[in-house]
Amino acid sequence: RAASVAFVRAQRTALSSAMGGALRLDPPPSPGSGEVLAGGVPGSGPDALAEALTFLARKVVWFDLFPALAVRLYSQPPEPAACSLEAEALPALCQAVAQVCDALAGHAQLCRAALFEILREATAAMRFVLLRGGPRRQYAPVHHALFARDLELLADAFVEPRVGGAGLRLTRTQADAVVRPLLNVVMATAMDSSVLIAKFEAAAAAPTPLPEDHPCSLSNLWYTLQMRGDDDAQVFVSDPTRL
């Protein structure tokens, strides 16, 4: 198992490099993960369980769904809606969620923990596409509604139905806890480039930096500007003295 995890990490790094960006391999735990895993699984050490769940989640997102979720998603400028989550990755993602639920139908707690990890990885993939997606992707403020809608659809795919649920999927609170930080970041994509530049300069001059997941943190503003194709944004990010 350790060799498999190492292989996935190496492959994920190589794929990230090929896409022209750096990807955080170990995103911080999302609020609510302790609630999902509370109590553990009988007969399994916590480290081994966490490692197995991480391997499963990374295989699903970065191997099985990689072409749809990380390569094709939003890859047709100037209209990324043609390659939205709903059009590209959502059917395959929903199928993967259903397969996990079927395989772990007799282990509801473990199933919820596995889905939680898959949702974390899928959210990390979308964050990478939105903020570090390379020169093939360019976004504009008008695309904000599309990104927000896709994040809502992403969370919905993992949430237990209100009627007829088997207790295998996440609660709305658990799913929102994973997606909300990226939704906060997506708020920056709704701003015009001139507004983003003004906020970046104000944040750079502030004595205390804003949290990373704040829409107006330095990193989020900078990456959002890098994904813009207008002259104001391109001139701003091409100046090496900005950072």
Protein backbone atom coordinates (compact mmCIF):
# COMPACT_ATOMS: atom_id res chain seq x y z
CA ARG A 1 0.00 0.00 0.00
CA ALA A 2 2.81 2.40 0.85
CA ALA A 3 4.41 1.79 -2.56
CA SER A 4 1.06 2.47 -4.24
CA VAL A 5 0.62 5.74 -2.36
CA ALA A 6 4.18 6.80 -3.29
CA PHE A 7 3.46 5.96 -6.93
CA VAL A 8 0.28 8.05 -6.92
CA ARG A 9 2.14 10.98 -5.35
CA ALA A 10 4.87 10.79 -7.99
CA GLN A 11 2.39 10.52 -10.84
CA ARG A 12 0.32 13.40 -9.47
CA THR A 13 3.41 15.60 -9.27
CA ALA A 14 4.35 14.73 -12.85
CA LEU A 15 0.82 15.47 -14.08
CA SER A 16 0.81 18.77 -12.21
CA SER A 17 4.10 19.74 -13.83
CA ALA A 18 2.78 18.81 -17.26
CA MET A 19 -0.17 21.15 -16.73
CA GLY A 20 2.18 24.02 -16.02
CA GLY A 21 1.54 24.54 -12.32
CA ALA A 22 2.43 23.40 -8.84
CA LEU A 23 -0.16 21.38 -6.94
CA ARG A 24 -0.33 21.00 -3.18
CA LEU A 25 -0.18 17.29 -2.52
CA ASP A 26 -1.45 17.49 1.03
CA PRO A 27 -4.29 20.01 1.39
CA PRO A 28 -5.11 20.90 5.01
CA PRO A 29 -7.85 18.87 6.68
CA SER A 30 -11.26 20.34 6.02
CA PRO A 31 -13.57 21.20 8.93
CA GLY A 32 -15.81 18.23 9.63
CA SER A 33 -13.35 15.44 8.77
CA GLY A 34 -13.10 14.45 12.42
CA GLU A 35 -16.86 14.18 12.59
CA VAL A 36 -16.93 11.82 9.61
CA LEU A 37 -14.21 9.55 11.01
CA ALA A 38 -15.24 9.77 14.67
CA GLY A 39 -15.02 6.39 16.34
CA GLY A 40 -12.66 4.81 13.83
CA VAL A 41 -13.16 1.45 12.17
CA PRO A 42 -12.89 -1.75 14.25
CA GLY A 43 -9.73 -3.70 13.50
CA SER A 44 -8.00 -0.90 11.57
CA GLY A 45 -5.27 1.38 12.80
CA PRO A 46 -6.01 5.07 12.18
CA ASP A 47 -2.87 5.62 10.10
CA ALA A 48 -3.52 2.63 7.86
CA LEU A 49 -7.14 3.64 7.42
CA ALA A 50 -6.28 7.22 6.55
CA GLU A 51 -3.64 6.02 4.08
CA ALA A 52 -6.07 3.65 2.38
CA LEU A 53 -8.77 6.31 2.10
CA THR A 54 -6.28 8.81 0.69
CA PHE A 55 -5.10 6.29 -1.88
CA LEU A 56 -8.69 5.52 -2.91
CA ALA A 57 -9.60 9.19 -3.24
CA ARG A 58 -6.50 10.08 -5.24
CA LYS A 59 -6.96 7.12 -7.57
CA VAL A 60 -10.56 8.13 -8.29
CA VAL A 61 -9.80 11.81 -8.89
CA TRP A 62 -6.26 11.85 -10.31
CA PHE A 63 -6.38 8.65 -12.34
CA ASP A 64 -9.93 7.57 -13.15
CA LEU A 65 -11.38 11.09 -13.57
CA PHE A 66 -8.23 13.02 -14.45
CA PRO A 67 -9.01 13.67 -18.16
CA ALA A 68 -12.51 15.00 -17.47
CA LEU A 69 -11.90 16.74 -14.16
CA ALA A 70 -8.44 18.26 -14.64
CA VAL A 71 -7.63 18.28 -18.37
CA ARG A 72 -10.85 19.12 -20.20
CA LEU A 73 -12.67 21.08 -17.47
CA TYR A 74 -13.05 24.76 -18.56
CA SER A 75 -10.46 24.19 -21.29
CA GLN A 76 -12.23 25.97 -24.18
CA PRO A 77 -11.75 29.74 -23.85
CA PRO A 78 -13.48 32.11 -24.17
CA GLU A 79 -16.48 29.98 -23.21
CA PRO A 80 -15.59 27.52 -20.42
CA ALA A 81 -19.26 26.56 -20.01
CA ALA A 82 -18.78 24.23 -22.99
CA CYS A 83 -16.52 22.16 -20.71
CA SER A 84 -18.29 22.67 -17.41
CA LEU A 85 -18.30 20.16 -14.57
CA GLU A 86 -21.84 19.14 -15.48
CA ALA A 87 -20.87 18.54 -19.11
CA GLU A 88 -17.51 16.87 -18.53
CA ALA A 89 -16.94 15.18 -15.19
CA LEU A 90 -20.17 15.05 -13.22
CA PRO A 91 -21.65 11.84 -14.74
CA ALA A 92 -18.42 9.91 -14.20
CA LEU A 93 -18.04 11.37 -10.70
CA CYS A 94 -21.59 10.36 -9.76
CA GLN A 95 -20.89 6.87 -11.08
CA ALA A 96 -17.73 6.65 -8.96
CA VAL A 97 -19.67 7.76 -5.87
CA ALA A 98 -22.33 5.13 -6.55
CA GLN A 99 -19.67 2.42 -6.96
CA VAL A 100 -18.08 3.33 -3.62
CA CYS A 101 -21.49 3.24 -1.95
CA ASP A 102 -22.23 -0.17 -3.44
CA ALA A 103 -18.84 -1.58 -2.42
CA LEU A 104 -19.10 -0.27 1.14
CA ALA A 105 -22.83 -0.71 1.62
CA GLY A 106 -22.27 -2.73 4.79
CA HIS A 107 -19.89 -0.18 6.30
CA ALA A 108 -21.73 3.13 6.39
CA GLN A 109 -19.16 5.01 8.46
CA LEU A 110 -16.26 3.90 6.27
CA CYS A 111 -18.25 4.76 3.15
CA ARG A 112 -18.88 8.31 4.38
CA ALA A 113 -15.20 8.70 5.23
CA ALA A 114 -14.20 7.52 1.75
CA LEU A 115 -16.63 9.93 0.08
CA PHE A 116 -15.35 12.76 2.25
CA GLU A 117 -11.80 12.14 1.03
CA ILE A 118 -12.89 11.87 -2.62
CA LEU A 119 -14.75 15.17 -2.30
CA ARG A 120 -11.64 16.79 -0.81
CA GLU A 121 -9.52 15.60 -3.74
CA ALA A 122 -12.12 16.68 -6.32
CA THR A 123 -12.27 20.12 -4.70
CA ALA A 124 -8.47 20.32 -4.81
CA ALA A 125 -8.58 19.47 -8.54
CA MET A 126 -11.11 22.21 -9.20
CA ARG A 127 -9.07 24.71 -7.20
CA PHE A 128 -6.04 23.86 -9.30
CA VAL A 129 -8.01 24.28 -12.54
CA LEU A 130 -9.50 27.60 -11.44
CA LEU A 131 -6.34 29.19 -10.04
CA ARG A 132 -3.41 27.39 -11.66
CA GLY A 133 -4.94 26.02 -14.83
CA GLY A 134 -2.24 27.22 -17.20
CA PRO A 135 -2.38 29.25 -20.41
CA ARG A 136 -5.07 27.08 -22.00
CA ARG A 137 -7.66 28.57 -19.67
CA GLN A 138 -8.71 32.20 -19.37
CA TYR A 139 -11.60 33.41 -17.26
CA ALA A 140 -13.70 36.55 -16.99
CA PRO A 141 -16.03 37.87 -14.24
CA VAL A 142 -19.05 36.62 -16.20
CA HIS A 143 -17.91 33.03 -15.54
CA HIS A 144 -18.35 33.39 -11.77
CA ALA A 145 -21.92 32.02 -11.82
CA LEU A 146 -20.74 28.93 -13.72
CA PHE A 147 -18.01 28.18 -11.18
CA ALA A 148 -20.37 28.67 -8.23
CA ARG A 149 -22.99 26.43 -9.83
CA ASP A 150 -20.43 23.69 -10.54
CA LEU A 151 -19.25 23.73 -6.92
CA GLU A 152 -22.85 23.34 -5.79
CA LEU A 153 -23.27 20.38 -8.16
CA LEU A 154 -20.02 18.88 -6.88
CA ALA A 155 -21.24 18.96 -3.28
CA ASP A 156 -24.68 17.64 -4.27
CA ALA A 157 -23.11 14.51 -5.78
CA PHE A 158 -21.89 13.44 -2.34
CA VAL A 159 -24.89 14.40 -0.20
CA GLU A 160 -27.40 11.92 1.20
CA PRO A 161 -30.84 12.20 -0.46
CA ARG A 162 -33.57 13.61 1.75
CA VAL A 163 -35.83 10.66 0.98
CA GLY A 164 -34.76 7.04 0.70
CA GLY A 165 -31.16 7.51 1.72
CA ALA A 166 -29.20 4.59 3.16
CA GLY A 167 -26.93 6.68 5.39
CA LEU A 168 -23.92 6.04 3.16
CA ARG A 169 -23.36 9.59 1.93
CA LEU A 170 -22.39 12.86 3.55
CA THR A 171 -24.64 15.32 5.28
CA ARG A 172 -25.07 18.73 3.70
CA THR A 173 -23.01 20.24 6.53
CA GLN A 174 -20.10 17.87 5.88
CA ALA A 175 -20.09 18.45 2.12
CA ASP A 176 -20.36 22.22 2.49
CA ALA A 177 -17.44 22.21 4.92
CA VAL A 178 -15.22 20.82 2.16
CA VAL A 179 -16.49 23.01 -0.67
CA ARG A 180 -16.99 26.31 1.18
CA PRO A 181 -13.31 27.41 1.24
CA LEU A 182 -13.10 27.14 -2.55
CA LEU A 183 -16.47 28.85 -2.93
CA ASN A 184 -15.00 31.75 -0.96
CA VAL A 185 -12.08 31.84 -3.40
CA VAL A 186 -14.45 31.74 -6.38
CA MET A 187 -15.93 35.01 -5.14
CA ALA A 188 -12.77 36.73 -6.40
CA THR A 189 -13.51 35.58 -9.95
CA ALA A 190 -16.60 37.82 -9.99
CA MET A 191 -14.49 40.99 -9.69
CA ASP A 192 -13.23 43.06 -12.61
CA SER A 193 -9.48 43.00 -13.08
CA SER A 194 -9.17 46.65 -12.03
CA VAL A 195 -10.88 45.82 -8.74
CA LEU A 196 -8.67 42.77 -8.23
CA ILE A 197 -5.55 44.90 -8.80
CA ALA A 198 -6.69 47.53 -6.32
CA LYS A 199 -7.46 44.87 -3.71
CA PHE A 200 -4.13 43.14 -4.34
CA GLU A 201 -2.22 46.38 -3.75
CA ALA A 202 -4.23 47.03 -0.58
CA ALA A 203 -3.61 43.50 0.68
CA ALA A 204 0.11 43.79 -0.07
CA ALA A 205 0.31 46.94 2.05
CA ALA A 206 -1.70 45.51 4.96
CA PRO A 207 0.29 44.71 8.13
CA THR A 208 -1.47 41.36 8.60
CA PRO A 209 -2.08 39.01 5.65
CA LEU A 210 -5.55 37.63 5.11
CA PRO A 211 -6.15 33.85 5.45
CA GLU A 212 -5.35 31.86 2.31
CA ASP A 213 -8.98 30.94 1.68
CA HIS A 214 -10.16 34.55 1.92
CA PRO A 215 -11.30 35.79 -1.51
CA CYS A 216 -8.95 38.77 -1.25
CA SER A 217 -5.84 37.03 0.07
CA LEU A 218 -2.69 37.85 -1.87
CA SER A 219 -2.37 34.37 -3.37
CA ASN A 220 -6.00 34.15 -4.51
CA LEU A 221 -5.96 37.62 -6.06
CA TRP A 222 -2.67 36.92 -7.82
CA TYR A 223 -3.74 33.57 -9.25
CA THR A 224 -7.11 34.98 -10.33
CA LEU A 225 -5.35 37.79 -12.20
CA GLN A 226 -3.03 35.27 -13.84
CA MET A 227 -6.06 33.46 -15.28
CA ARG A 228 -7.37 36.66 -16.93
CA GLY A 229 -6.80 37.52 -20.57
CA ASP A 230 -7.48 41.27 -20.47
CA ASP A 231 -4.69 43.82 -20.86
CA ASP A 232 -4.92 45.21 -17.30
CA ALA A 233 -4.41 41.80 -15.74
CA GLN A 234 -1.70 40.69 -18.15
CA VAL A 235 0.35 43.87 -17.70
CA PHE A 236 0.02 43.63 -13.93
CA VAL A 237 1.12 40.01 -13.54
CA SER A 238 3.96 40.40 -16.05
CA ASP A 239 5.72 42.83 -13.72
CA PRO A 240 8.24 40.74 -11.70
CA THR A 241 8.38 43.34 -8.93
CA ARG A 242 4.80 42.60 -7.87
CA LEU A 243 5.76 39.62 -5.69
